[in-house]
Amino acid sequence: EGLAGITNWNDVDKKSSDYKKEEMLRQLRAFLRGLDG
């Protein structure tokens, strides 16, 4: 819920057509890139 691009429960519900999986993964990938090593 604390990620950018997220405002309501449908955004974080896998069963919803509005599920924001790609927005979540972009943010997570950026952080993990910085933790390389």
Full PDB file with SEQRES, HELIX, SHEET, SSBOND, CRYST1, ORIGX, SCALE, CONECT and MASTER records, all heavy atoms in Angstrom:
SEQRES   1 A   37  GLU GLY LEU ALA GLY ILE THR ASN TRP ASN ASP VAL ASP          
SEQRES   2 A   37  LYS LYS SER SER ASP TYR LYS LYS GLU GLU MET LEU ARG          
SEQRES   3 A   37  GLN LEU ARG ALA PHE LEU ARG GLY LEU ASP GLY                  
HELIX    1 AA1 TRP A    9  VAL A   12  5                                   4    
HELIX    2 AA2 LYS A   21  GLY A   34  1                                  14    
CRYST1    1.000    1.000    1.000  90.00  90.00  90.00 P 1           1          
ORIGX1      1.000000  0.000000  0.000000        0.00000                         
ORIGX2      0.000000  1.000000  0.000000        0.00000                         
ORIGX3      0.000000  0.000000  1.000000        0.00000                         
SCALE1      1.000000  0.000000  0.000000        0.00000                         
SCALE2      0.000000  1.000000  0.000000        0.00000                         
SCALE3      0.000000  0.000000  1.000000        0.00000                         
ATOM      1  N   GLU A   1       0.800  -1.223   0.000  1.00  0.00           N  
ATOM      2  CA  GLU A   1       0.000   0.000   0.000  1.00  0.00           C  
ATOM      3  C   GLU A   1       0.836   1.279   0.000  1.00  0.00           C  
ATOM      4  O   GLU A   1       0.360   2.328  -0.418  1.00  0.00           O  
ATOM      5  CB  GLU A   1      -0.952   0.006   1.205  1.00  0.00           C  
ATOM      6  CG  GLU A   1      -2.062  -1.023   1.145  1.00  0.00           C  
ATOM      7  CD  GLU A   1      -1.667  -2.368   1.732  1.00  0.00           C  
ATOM      8  OE1 GLU A   1      -0.477  -2.548   2.066  1.00  0.00           O  
ATOM      9  OE2 GLU A   1      -2.548  -3.236   1.854  1.00  0.00           O  
ATOM     10  N   GLY A   2       2.076   1.206   0.465  1.00  0.00           N  
ATOM     11  CA  GLY A   2       2.910   2.386   0.530  1.00  0.00           C  
ATOM     12  C   GLY A   2       3.651   2.703  -0.755  1.00  0.00           C  
ATOM     13  O   GLY A   2       4.420   3.672  -0.800  1.00  0.00           O  
ATOM     14  N   LEU A   3       3.441   1.943  -1.812  1.00  0.00           N  
ATOM     15  CA  LEU A   3       4.153   2.171  -3.060  1.00  0.00           C  
ATOM     16  C   LEU A   3       3.503   3.275  -3.882  1.00  0.00           C  
ATOM     17  O   LEU A   3       2.318   3.573  -3.730  1.00  0.00           O  
ATOM     18  CB  LEU A   3       4.217   0.878  -3.876  1.00  0.00           C  
ATOM     19  CG  LEU A   3       5.035  -0.249  -3.249  1.00  0.00           C  
ATOM     20  CD1 LEU A   3       4.973  -1.501  -4.121  1.00  0.00           C  
ATOM     21  CD2 LEU A   3       6.489   0.176  -3.030  1.00  0.00           C  
ATOM     22  N   ALA A   4       4.262   3.849  -4.786  1.00  0.00           N  
ATOM     23  CA  ALA A   4       3.739   4.859  -5.696  1.00  0.00           C  
ATOM     24  C   ALA A   4       2.831   4.198  -6.733  1.00  0.00           C  
ATOM     25  O   ALA A   4       2.967   3.014  -7.046  1.00  0.00           O  
ATOM     26  CB  ALA A   4       4.883   5.583  -6.391  1.00  0.00           C  
ATOM     27  N   GLY A   5       1.871   4.974  -7.238  1.00  0.00           N  
ATOM     28  CA  GLY A   5       0.921   4.459  -8.209  1.00  0.00           C  
ATOM     29  C   GLY A   5      -0.248   3.722  -7.595  1.00  0.00           C  
ATOM     30  O   GLY A   5      -1.151   3.266  -8.300  1.00  0.00           O  
ATOM     31  N   ILE A   6      -0.251   3.614  -6.273  1.00  0.00           N  
ATOM     32  CA  ILE A   6      -1.273   2.859  -5.536  1.00  0.00           C  
ATOM     33  C   ILE A   6      -2.143   3.833  -4.752  1.00  0.00           C  
ATOM     34  O   ILE A   6      -1.625   4.675  -4.022  1.00  0.00           O  
ATOM     35  CB  ILE A   6      -0.606   1.864  -4.563  1.00  0.00           C  
ATOM     36  CG1 ILE A   6       0.375   0.935  -5.296  1.00  0.00           C  
ATOM     37  CG2 ILE A   6      -1.650   1.080  -3.789  1.00  0.00           C  
ATOM     38  CD1 ILE A   6      -0.235   0.098  -6.378  1.00  0.00           C  
ATOM     39  N   THR A   7      -3.467   3.712  -4.889  1.00  0.00           N  
ATOM     40  CA  THR A   7      -4.361   4.563  -4.096  1.00  0.00           C  
ATOM     41  C   THR A   7      -5.533   3.815  -3.480  1.00  0.00           C  
ATOM     42  O   THR A   7      -6.132   4.306  -2.527  1.00  0.00           O  
ATOM     43  CB  THR A   7      -4.939   5.719  -4.943  1.00  0.00           C  
ATOM     44  OG1 THR A   7      -5.627   5.164  -6.076  1.00  0.00           O  
ATOM     45  CG2 THR A   7      -3.853   6.675  -5.393  1.00  0.00           C  
ATOM     46  N   ASN A   8      -5.899   2.647  -4.000  1.00  0.00           N  
ATOM     47  CA  ASN A   8      -7.084   1.965  -3.454  1.00  0.00           C  
ATOM     48  C   ASN A   8      -6.878   0.458  -3.435  1.00  0.00           C  
ATOM     49  O   ASN A   8      -5.904  -0.075  -3.976  1.00  0.00           O  
ATOM     50  CB  ASN A   8      -8.348   2.350  -4.239  1.00  0.00           C  
ATOM     51  CG  ASN A   8      -8.273   1.911  -5.689  1.00  0.00           C  
ATOM     52  OD1 ASN A   8      -8.333   0.723  -5.984  1.00  0.00           O  
ATOM     53  ND2 ASN A   8      -8.136   2.864  -6.607  1.00  0.00           N  
ATOM     54  N   TRP A   9      -7.820  -0.241  -2.804  1.00  0.00           N  
ATOM     55  CA  TRP A   9      -7.656  -1.672  -2.545  1.00  0.00           C  
ATOM     56  C   TRP A   9      -7.615  -2.486  -3.825  1.00  0.00           C  
ATOM     57  O   TRP A   9      -6.942  -3.530  -3.881  1.00  0.00           O  
ATOM     58  CB  TRP A   9      -8.773  -2.165  -1.622  1.00  0.00           C  
ATOM     59  CG  TRP A   9      -8.813  -1.421  -0.332  1.00  0.00           C  
ATOM     60  CD1 TRP A   9      -9.787  -0.561   0.088  1.00  0.00           C  
ATOM     61  CD2 TRP A   9      -7.817  -1.419   0.707  1.00  0.00           C  
ATOM     62  NE1 TRP A   9      -9.458  -0.038   1.315  1.00  0.00           N  
ATOM     63  CE2 TRP A   9      -8.269  -0.544   1.726  1.00  0.00           C  
ATOM     64  CE3 TRP A   9      -6.596  -2.070   0.876  1.00  0.00           C  
ATOM     65  CZ2 TRP A   9      -7.533  -0.301   2.883  1.00  0.00           C  
ATOM     66  CZ3 TRP A   9      -5.862  -1.832   2.024  1.00  0.00           C  
ATOM     67  CH2 TRP A   9      -6.332  -0.965   3.015  1.00  0.00           C  
ATOM     68  N   ASN A  10      -8.302  -2.066  -4.882  1.00  0.00           N  
ATOM     69  CA  ASN A  10      -8.246  -2.803  -6.136  1.00  0.00           C  
ATOM     70  C   ASN A  10      -6.834  -2.831  -6.715  1.00  0.00           C  
ATOM     71  O   ASN A  10      -6.454  -3.785  -7.399  1.00  0.00           O  
ATOM     72  CB  ASN A  10      -9.199  -2.191  -7.168  1.00  0.00           C  
ATOM     73  CG  ASN A  10     -10.646  -2.503  -6.872  1.00  0.00           C  
ATOM     74  OD1 ASN A  10     -10.959  -3.474  -6.180  1.00  0.00           O  
ATOM     75  ND2 ASN A  10     -11.554  -1.682  -7.377  1.00  0.00           N  
ATOM     76  N   ASP A  11      -6.054  -1.790  -6.433  1.00  0.00           N  
ATOM     77  CA  ASP A  11      -4.682  -1.720  -6.944  1.00  0.00           C  
ATOM     78  C   ASP A  11      -3.790  -2.809  -6.379  1.00  0.00           C  
ATOM     79  O   ASP A  11      -2.760  -3.151  -6.977  1.00  0.00           O  
ATOM     80  CB  ASP A  11      -4.058  -0.357  -6.596  1.00  0.00           C  
ATOM     81  CG  ASP A  11      -4.724   0.799  -7.308  1.00  0.00           C  
ATOM     82  OD1 ASP A  11      -5.402   0.569  -8.331  1.00  0.00           O  
ATOM     83  OD2 ASP A  11      -4.571   1.946  -6.838  1.00  0.00           O  
ATOM     84  N   VAL A  12      -4.144  -3.338  -5.202  1.00  0.00           N  
ATOM     85  CA  VAL A  12      -3.274  -4.301  -4.515  1.00  0.00           C  
ATOM     86  C   VAL A  12      -3.930  -5.672  -4.354  1.00  0.00           C  
ATOM     87  O   VAL A  12      -3.425  -6.526  -3.618  1.00  0.00           O  
ATOM     88  CB  VAL A  12      -2.843  -3.757  -3.131  1.00  0.00           C  
ATOM     89  CG1 VAL A  12      -2.079  -2.459  -3.296  1.00  0.00           C  
ATOM     90  CG2 VAL A  12      -4.047  -3.529  -2.211  1.00  0.00           C  
ATOM     91  N   ASP A  13      -5.032  -5.889  -5.064  1.00  0.00           N  
ATOM     92  CA  ASP A  13      -5.777  -7.144  -4.987  1.00  0.00           C  
ATOM     93  C   ASP A  13      -5.527  -7.961  -6.247  1.00  0.00           C  
ATOM     94  O   ASP A  13      -5.891  -7.553  -7.348  1.00  0.00           O  
ATOM     95  CB  ASP A  13      -7.267  -6.848  -4.834  1.00  0.00           C  
ATOM     96  CG  ASP A  13      -8.113  -8.103  -4.686  1.00  0.00           C  
ATOM     97  OD1 ASP A  13      -7.560  -9.216  -4.789  1.00  0.00           O  
ATOM     98  OD2 ASP A  13      -9.332  -7.963  -4.478  1.00  0.00           O  
ATOM     99  N   LYS A  14      -4.899  -9.113  -6.104  1.00  0.00           N  
ATOM    100  CA  LYS A  14      -4.564  -9.941  -7.256  1.00  0.00           C  
ATOM    101  C   LYS A  14      -5.787 -10.328  -8.093  1.00  0.00           C  
ATOM    102  O   LYS A  14      -5.672 -10.574  -9.294  1.00  0.00           O  
ATOM    103  CB  LYS A  14      -3.863 -11.221  -6.804  1.00  0.00           C  
ATOM    104  CG  LYS A  14      -2.394 -11.062  -6.469  1.00  0.00           C  
ATOM    105  CD  LYS A  14      -1.737 -12.409  -6.262  1.00  0.00           C  
ATOM    106  CE  LYS A  14      -1.635 -13.188  -7.555  1.00  0.00           C  
ATOM    107  NZ  LYS A  14      -0.869 -14.460  -7.372  1.00  0.00           N  
ATOM    108  N   LYS A  15      -6.949 -10.385  -7.451  1.00  0.00           N  
ATOM    109  CA  LYS A  15      -8.155 -10.789  -8.165  1.00  0.00           C  
ATOM    110  C   LYS A  15      -8.794  -9.648  -8.947  1.00  0.00           C  
ATOM    111  O   LYS A  15      -9.740  -9.864  -9.706  1.00  0.00           O  
ATOM    112  CB  LYS A  15      -9.169 -11.358  -7.165  1.00  0.00           C  
ATOM    113  CG  LYS A  15      -8.676 -12.599  -6.438  1.00  0.00           C  
ATOM    114  CD  LYS A  15      -9.683 -13.060  -5.393  1.00  0.00           C  
ATOM    115  CE  LYS A  15      -9.156 -14.269  -4.631  1.00  0.00           C  
ATOM    116  NZ  LYS A  15     -10.098 -14.713  -3.560  1.00  0.00           N  
ATOM    117  N   SER A  16      -8.274  -8.444  -8.770  1.00  0.00           N  
ATOM    118  CA  SER A  16      -8.852  -7.274  -9.426  1.00  0.00           C  
ATOM    119  C   SER A  16      -8.207  -7.034 -10.792  1.00  0.00           C  
ATOM    120  O   SER A  16      -6.993  -7.233 -10.965  1.00  0.00           O  
ATOM    121  CB  SER A  16      -8.664  -6.035  -8.548  1.00  0.00           C  
ATOM    122  OG  SER A  16      -8.954  -4.862  -9.266  1.00  0.00           O  
ATOM    123  N   SER A  17      -8.997  -6.557 -11.732  1.00  0.00           N  
ATOM    124  CA  SER A  17      -8.455  -6.211 -13.050  1.00  0.00           C  
ATOM    125  C   SER A  17      -7.564  -4.978 -12.972  1.00  0.00           C  
ATOM    126  O   SER A  17      -6.800  -4.699 -13.899  1.00  0.00           O  
ATOM    127  CB  SER A  17      -9.593  -5.970 -14.046  1.00  0.00           C  
ATOM    128  OG  SER A  17     -10.430  -4.903 -13.595  1.00  0.00           O  
ATOM    129  N   ASP A  18      -7.665  -4.216 -11.866  1.00  0.00           N  
ATOM    130  CA  ASP A  18      -6.841  -3.021 -11.675  1.00  0.00           C  
ATOM    131  C   ASP A  18      -5.543  -3.302 -10.925  1.00  0.00           C  
ATOM    132  O   ASP A  18      -4.816  -2.369 -10.589  1.00  0.00           O  
ATOM    133  CB  ASP A  18      -7.633  -1.955 -10.899  1.00  0.00           C  
ATOM    134  CG  ASP A  18      -8.823  -1.432 -11.679  1.00  0.00           C  
ATOM    135  OD1 ASP A  18      -8.726  -1.371 -12.916  1.00  0.00           O  
ATOM    136  OD2 ASP A  18      -9.846  -1.091 -11.054  1.00  0.00           O  
ATOM    137  N   TYR A  19      -5.258  -4.572 -10.638  1.00  0.00           N  
ATOM    138  CA  TYR A  19      -4.068  -4.949  -9.860  1.00  0.00           C  
ATOM    139  C   TYR A  19      -2.810  -4.368 -10.493  1.00  0.00           C  
ATOM    140  O   TYR A  19      -2.532  -4.572 -11.678  1.00  0.00           O  
ATOM    141  CB  TYR A  19      -3.995  -6.474  -9.794  1.00  0.00           C  
ATOM    142  CG  TYR A  19      -2.860  -7.037  -8.982  1.00  0.00           C  
ATOM    143  CD1 TYR A  19      -2.721  -6.733  -7.638  1.00  0.00           C  
ATOM    144  CD2 TYR A  19      -1.940  -7.911  -9.564  1.00  0.00           C  
ATOM    145  CE1 TYR A  19      -1.688  -7.288  -6.886  1.00  0.00           C  
ATOM    146  CE2 TYR A  19      -0.911  -8.480  -8.813  1.00  0.00           C  
ATOM    147  CZ  TYR A  19      -0.784  -8.152  -7.475  1.00  0.00           C  
ATOM    148  OH  TYR A  19       0.233  -8.695  -6.735  1.00  0.00           O  
ATOM    149  N   LYS A  20      -2.024  -3.635  -9.705  1.00  0.00           N  
ATOM    150  CA  LYS A  20      -0.877  -2.888 -10.221  1.00  0.00           C  
ATOM    151  C   LYS A  20       0.436  -3.672 -10.032  1.00  0.00           C  
ATOM    152  O   LYS A  20       1.380  -3.192  -9.412  1.00  0.00           O  
ATOM    153  CB  LYS A  20      -0.795  -1.529  -9.521  1.00  0.00           C  
ATOM    154  CG  LYS A  20      -2.029  -0.650  -9.683  1.00  0.00           C  
ATOM    155  CD  LYS A  20      -2.166  -0.122 -11.089  1.00  0.00           C  
ATOM    156  CE  LYS A  20      -3.394   0.755 -11.256  1.00  0.00           C  
ATOM    157  NZ  LYS A  20      -3.341   1.983 -10.471  1.00  0.00           N  
ATOM    158  N   LYS A  21       0.489  -4.854 -10.601  1.00  0.00           N  
ATOM    159  CA  LYS A  21       1.663  -5.711 -10.447  1.00  0.00           C  
ATOM    160  C   LYS A  21       2.906  -5.088 -11.069  1.00  0.00           C  
ATOM    161  O   LYS A  21       3.984  -5.078 -10.463  1.00  0.00           O  
ATOM    162  CB  LYS A  21       1.393  -7.074 -11.077  1.00  0.00           C  
ATOM    163  CG  LYS A  21       2.585  -8.024 -11.059  1.00  0.00           C  
ATOM    164  CD  LYS A  21       2.233  -9.337 -11.741  1.00  0.00           C  
ATOM    165  CE  LYS A  21       3.438 -10.258 -11.826  1.00  0.00           C  
ATOM    166  NZ  LYS A  21       3.098 -11.538 -12.497  1.00  0.00           N  
ATOM    167  N   GLU A  22       2.783  -4.577 -12.288  1.00  0.00           N  
ATOM    168  CA  GLU A  22       3.961  -4.052 -12.980  1.00  0.00           C  
ATOM    169  C   GLU A  22       4.505  -2.803 -12.298  1.00  0.00           C  
ATOM    170  O   GLU A  22       5.724  -2.599 -12.244  1.00  0.00           O  
ATOM    171  CB  GLU A  22       3.636  -3.786 -14.446  1.00  0.00           C  
ATOM    172  CG  GLU A  22       3.410  -5.048 -15.255  1.00  0.00           C  
ATOM    173  CD  GLU A  22       4.525  -6.078 -15.098  1.00  0.00           C  
ATOM    174  OE1 GLU A  22       5.705  -5.685 -15.161  1.00  0.00           O  
ATOM    175  OE2 GLU A  22       4.212  -7.271 -14.909  1.00  0.00           O  
ATOM    176  N   GLU A  23       3.619  -1.954 -11.771  1.00  0.00           N  
ATOM    177  CA  GLU A  23       4.074  -0.771 -11.045  1.00  0.00           C  
ATOM    178  C   GLU A  23       4.871  -1.173  -9.807  1.00  0.00           C  
ATOM    179  O   GLU A  23       5.902  -0.582  -9.484  1.00  0.00           O  
ATOM    180  CB  GLU A  23       2.880   0.102 -10.642  1.00  0.00           C  
ATOM    181  CG  GLU A  23       2.274   0.899 -11.773  1.00  0.00           C  
ATOM    182  CD  GLU A  23       1.277   0.102 -12.601  1.00  0.00           C  
ATOM    183  OE1 GLU A  23       1.259  -1.153 -12.504  1.00  0.00           O  
ATOM    184  OE2 GLU A  23       0.518   0.720 -13.364  1.00  0.00           O  
ATOM    185  N   MET A  24       4.380  -2.210  -9.116  1.00  0.00           N  
ATOM    186  CA  MET A  24       5.086  -2.717  -7.939  1.00  0.00           C  
ATOM    187  C   MET A  24       6.460  -3.266  -8.319  1.00  0.00           C  
ATOM    188  O   MET A  24       7.479  -2.955  -7.696  1.00  0.00           O  
ATOM    189  CB  MET A  24       4.241  -3.793  -7.257  1.00  0.00           C  
ATOM    190  CG  MET A  24       4.923  -4.511  -6.104  1.00  0.00           C  
ATOM    191  SD  MET A  24       5.823  -6.028  -6.606  1.00  0.00           S  
ATOM    192  CE  MET A  24       4.465  -7.135  -6.976  1.00  0.00           C  
ATOM    193  N   LEU A  25       6.508  -4.078  -9.365  1.00  0.00           N  
ATOM    194  CA  LEU A  25       7.753  -4.731  -9.746  1.00  0.00           C  
ATOM    195  C   LEU A  25       8.795  -3.732 -10.228  1.00  0.00           C  
ATOM    196  O   LEU A  25       9.993  -3.910  -9.980  1.00  0.00           O  
ATOM    197  CB  LEU A  25       7.482  -5.785 -10.827  1.00  0.00           C  
ATOM    198  CG  LEU A  25       6.848  -7.091 -10.324  1.00  0.00           C  
ATOM    199  CD1 LEU A  25       6.503  -7.995 -11.502  1.00  0.00           C  
ATOM    200  CD2 LEU A  25       7.784  -7.807  -9.363  1.00  0.00           C  
ATOM    201  N   ARG A  26       8.375  -2.674 -10.910  1.00  0.00           N  
ATOM    202  CA  ARG A  26       9.346  -1.663 -11.341  1.00  0.00           C  
ATOM    203  C   ARG A  26      10.042  -1.029 -10.144  1.00  0.00           C  
ATOM    204  O   ARG A  26      11.256  -0.809 -10.149  1.00  0.00           O  
ATOM    205  CB  ARG A  26       8.656  -0.575 -12.175  1.00  0.00           C  
ATOM    206  CG  ARG A  26       8.418  -0.971 -13.611  1.00  0.00           C  
ATOM    207  CD  ARG A  26       8.221   0.234 -14.487  1.00  0.00           C  
ATOM    208  NE  ARG A  26       6.958   0.917 -14.209  1.00  0.00           N  
ATOM    209  CZ  ARG A  26       6.540   1.981 -14.890  1.00  0.00           C  
ATOM    210  NH1 ARG A  26       7.282   2.484 -15.860  1.00  0.00           N  
ATOM    211  NH2 ARG A  26       5.374   2.542 -14.604  1.00  0.00           N  
ATOM    212  N   GLN A  27       9.264  -0.726  -9.099  1.00  0.00           N  
ATOM    213  CA  GLN A  27       9.844  -0.107  -7.909  1.00  0.00           C  
ATOM    214  C   GLN A  27      10.729  -1.087  -7.156  1.00  0.00           C  
ATOM    215  O   GLN A  27      11.823  -0.744  -6.683  1.00  0.00           O  
ATOM    216  CB  GLN A  27       8.725   0.436  -7.019  1.00  0.00           C  
ATOM    217  CG  GLN A  27       7.982   1.598  -7.668  1.00  0.00           C  
ATOM    218  CD  GLN A  27       6.713   1.986  -6.936  1.00  0.00           C  
ATOM    219  OE1 GLN A  27       6.771   2.524  -5.831  1.00  0.00           O  
ATOM    220  NE2 GLN A  27       5.561   1.721  -7.545  1.00  0.00           N  
ATOM    221  N   LEU A  28      10.281  -2.330  -7.034  1.00  0.00           N  
ATOM    222  CA  LEU A  28      11.068  -3.341  -6.331  1.00  0.00           C  
ATOM    223  C   LEU A  28      12.370  -3.633  -7.078  1.00  0.00           C  
ATOM    224  O   LEU A  28      13.439  -3.748  -6.466  1.00  0.00           O  
ATOM    225  CB  LEU A  28      10.238  -4.613  -6.173  1.00  0.00           C  
ATOM    226  CG  LEU A  28      10.873  -5.753  -5.382  1.00  0.00           C  
ATOM    227  CD1 LEU A  28      11.285  -5.308  -3.985  1.00  0.00           C  
ATOM    228  CD2 LEU A  28       9.914  -6.945  -5.314  1.00  0.00           C  
ATOM    229  N   ARG A  29      12.302  -3.746  -8.401  1.00  0.00           N  
ATOM    230  CA  ARG A  29      13.512  -4.005  -9.189  1.00  0.00           C  
ATOM    231  C   ARG A  29      14.536  -2.884  -9.016  1.00  0.00           C  
ATOM    232  O   ARG A  29      15.740  -3.142  -8.896  1.00  0.00           O  
ATOM    233  CB  ARG A  29      13.150  -4.145 -10.668  1.00  0.00           C  
ATOM    234  CG  ARG A  29      12.558  -5.485 -11.061  1.00  0.00           C  
ATOM    235  CD  ARG A  29      12.491  -5.613 -12.576  1.00  0.00           C  
ATOM    236  NE  ARG A  29      12.032  -6.928 -12.990  1.00  0.00           N  
ATOM    237  CZ  ARG A  29      10.792  -7.190 -13.397  1.00  0.00           C  
ATOM    238  NH1 ARG A  29       9.883  -6.215 -13.438  1.00  0.00           N  
ATOM    239  NH2 ARG A  29      10.454  -8.417 -13.745  1.00  0.00           N  
ATOM    240  N   ALA A  30      14.073  -1.640  -9.035  1.00  0.00           N  
ATOM    241  CA  ALA A  30      14.999  -0.510  -8.888  1.00  0.00           C  
ATOM    242  C   ALA A  30      15.735  -0.600  -7.561  1.00  0.00           C  
ATOM    243  O   ALA A  30      16.956  -0.381  -7.496  1.00  0.00           O  
ATOM    244  CB  ALA A  30      14.234   0.808  -8.996  1.00  0.00           C  
ATOM    245  N   PHE A  31      15.021  -0.933  -6.502  1.00  0.00           N  
ATOM    246  CA  PHE A  31      15.648  -1.041  -5.187  1.00  0.00           C  
ATOM    247  C   PHE A  31      16.630  -2.213  -5.149  1.00  0.00           C  
ATOM    248  O   PHE A  31      17.743  -2.088  -4.632  1.00  0.00           O  
ATOM    249  CB  PHE A  31      14.569  -1.200  -4.122  1.00  0.00           C  
ATOM    250  CG  PHE A  31      15.064  -0.964  -2.722  1.00  0.00           C  
ATOM    251  CD1 PHE A  31      15.262   0.324  -2.245  1.00  0.00           C  
ATOM    252  CD2 PHE A  31      15.332  -2.028  -1.885  1.00  0.00           C  
ATOM    253  CE1 PHE A  31      15.724   0.540  -0.955  1.00  0.00           C  
ATOM    254  CE2 PHE A  31      15.788  -1.822  -0.593  1.00  0.00           C  
ATOM    255  CZ  PHE A  31      15.995  -0.532  -0.130  1.00  0.00           C  
ATOM    256  N   LEU A  32      16.232  -3.345  -5.704  1.00  0.00           N  
ATOM    257  CA  LEU A  32      17.105  -4.520  -5.692  1.00  0.00           C  
ATOM    258  C   LEU A  32      18.363  -4.284  -6.531  1.00  0.00           C  
ATOM    259  O   LEU A  32      19.435  -4.803  -6.197  1.00  0.00           O  
ATOM    260  CB  LEU A  32      16.345  -5.748  -6.186  1.00  0.00           C  
ATOM    261  CG  LEU A  32      15.234  -6.268  -5.269  1.00  0.00           C  
ATOM    262  CD1 LEU A  32      14.486  -7.422  -5.926  1.00  0.00           C  
ATOM    263  CD2 LEU A  32      15.781  -6.688  -3.915  1.00  0.00           C  
ATOM    264  N   ARG A  33      18.258  -3.522  -7.605  1.00  0.00           N  
ATOM    265  CA  ARG A  33      19.454  -3.197  -8.390  1.00  0.00           C  
ATOM    266  C   ARG A  33      20.484  -2.474  -7.529  1.00  0.00           C  
ATOM    267  O   ARG A  33      21.692  -2.711  -7.627  1.00  0.00           O  
ATOM    268  CB  ARG A  33      19.088  -2.333  -9.602  1.00  0.00           C  
ATOM    269  CG  ARG A  33      18.491  -3.102 -10.766  1.00  0.00           C  
ATOM    270  CD  ARG A  33      18.506  -2.286 -12.044  1.00  0.00           C  
ATOM    271  NE  ARG A  33      17.726  -1.064 -11.945  1.00  0.00           N  
ATOM    272  CZ  ARG A  33      16.433  -0.965 -12.234  1.00  0.00           C  
ATOM    273  NH1 ARG A  33      15.763  -2.040 -12.648  1.00  0.00           N  
ATOM    274  NH2 ARG A  33      15.806   0.185 -12.139  1.00  0.00           N  
ATOM    275  N   GLY A  34      19.999  -1.595  -6.676  1.00  0.00           N  
ATOM    276  CA  GLY A  34      20.900  -0.864  -5.795  1.00  0.00           C  
ATOM    277  C   GLY A  34      21.529  -1.716  -4.718  1.00  0.00           C  
ATOM    278  O   GLY A  34      22.534  -1.320  -4.119  1.00  0.00           O  
ATOM    279  N   LEU A  35      20.962  -2.890  -4.464  1.00  0.00           N  
ATOM    280  CA  LEU A  35      21.495  -3.800  -3.448  1.00  0.00           C  
ATOM    281  C   LEU A  35      22.345  -4.906  -4.052  1.00  0.00           C  
ATOM    282  O   LEU A  35      22.655  -5.897  -3.377  1.00  0.00           O  
ATOM    283  CB  LEU A  35      20.345  -4.418  -2.644  1.00  0.00           C  
ATOM    284  CG  LEU A  35      19.517  -3.464  -1.786  1.00  0.00           C  
ATOM    285  CD1 LEU A  35      18.409  -4.222  -1.057  1.00  0.00           C  
ATOM    286  CD2 LEU A  35      20.388  -2.711  -0.778  1.00  0.00           C  
ATOM    287  N   ASP A  36      22.726  -4.748  -5.309  1.00  0.00           N  
ATOM    288  CA  ASP A  36      23.549  -5.757  -5.977  1.00  0.00           C  
ATOM    289  C   ASP A  36      24.800  -6.062  -5.142  1.00  0.00           C  
ATOM    290  O   ASP A  36      25.452  -5.156  -4.630  1.00  0.00           O  
ATOM    291  CB  ASP A  36      23.966  -5.245  -7.356  1.00  0.00           C  
ATOM    292  CG  ASP A  36      24.765  -6.267  -8.131  1.00  0.00           C  
ATOM    293  OD1 ASP A  36      24.448  -7.459  -8.037  1.00  0.00           O  
ATOM    294  OD2 ASP A  36      25.730  -5.856  -8.802  1.00  0.00           O  
ATOM    295  N   GLY A  37      25.086  -7.336  -4.986  1.00  0.00           N  
ATOM    296  CA  GLY A  37      26.263  -7.745  -4.222  1.00  0.00           C  
ATOM    297  C   GLY A  37      25.972  -8.115  -2.781  1.00  0.00           C  
ATOM    298  O   GLY A  37      26.859  -8.600  -2.067  1.00  0.00           O  
TER     299      GLY A  37                                                      
MASTER        0    0    0    2    0    0    0    6  298    1    0    3          
END                                                                             
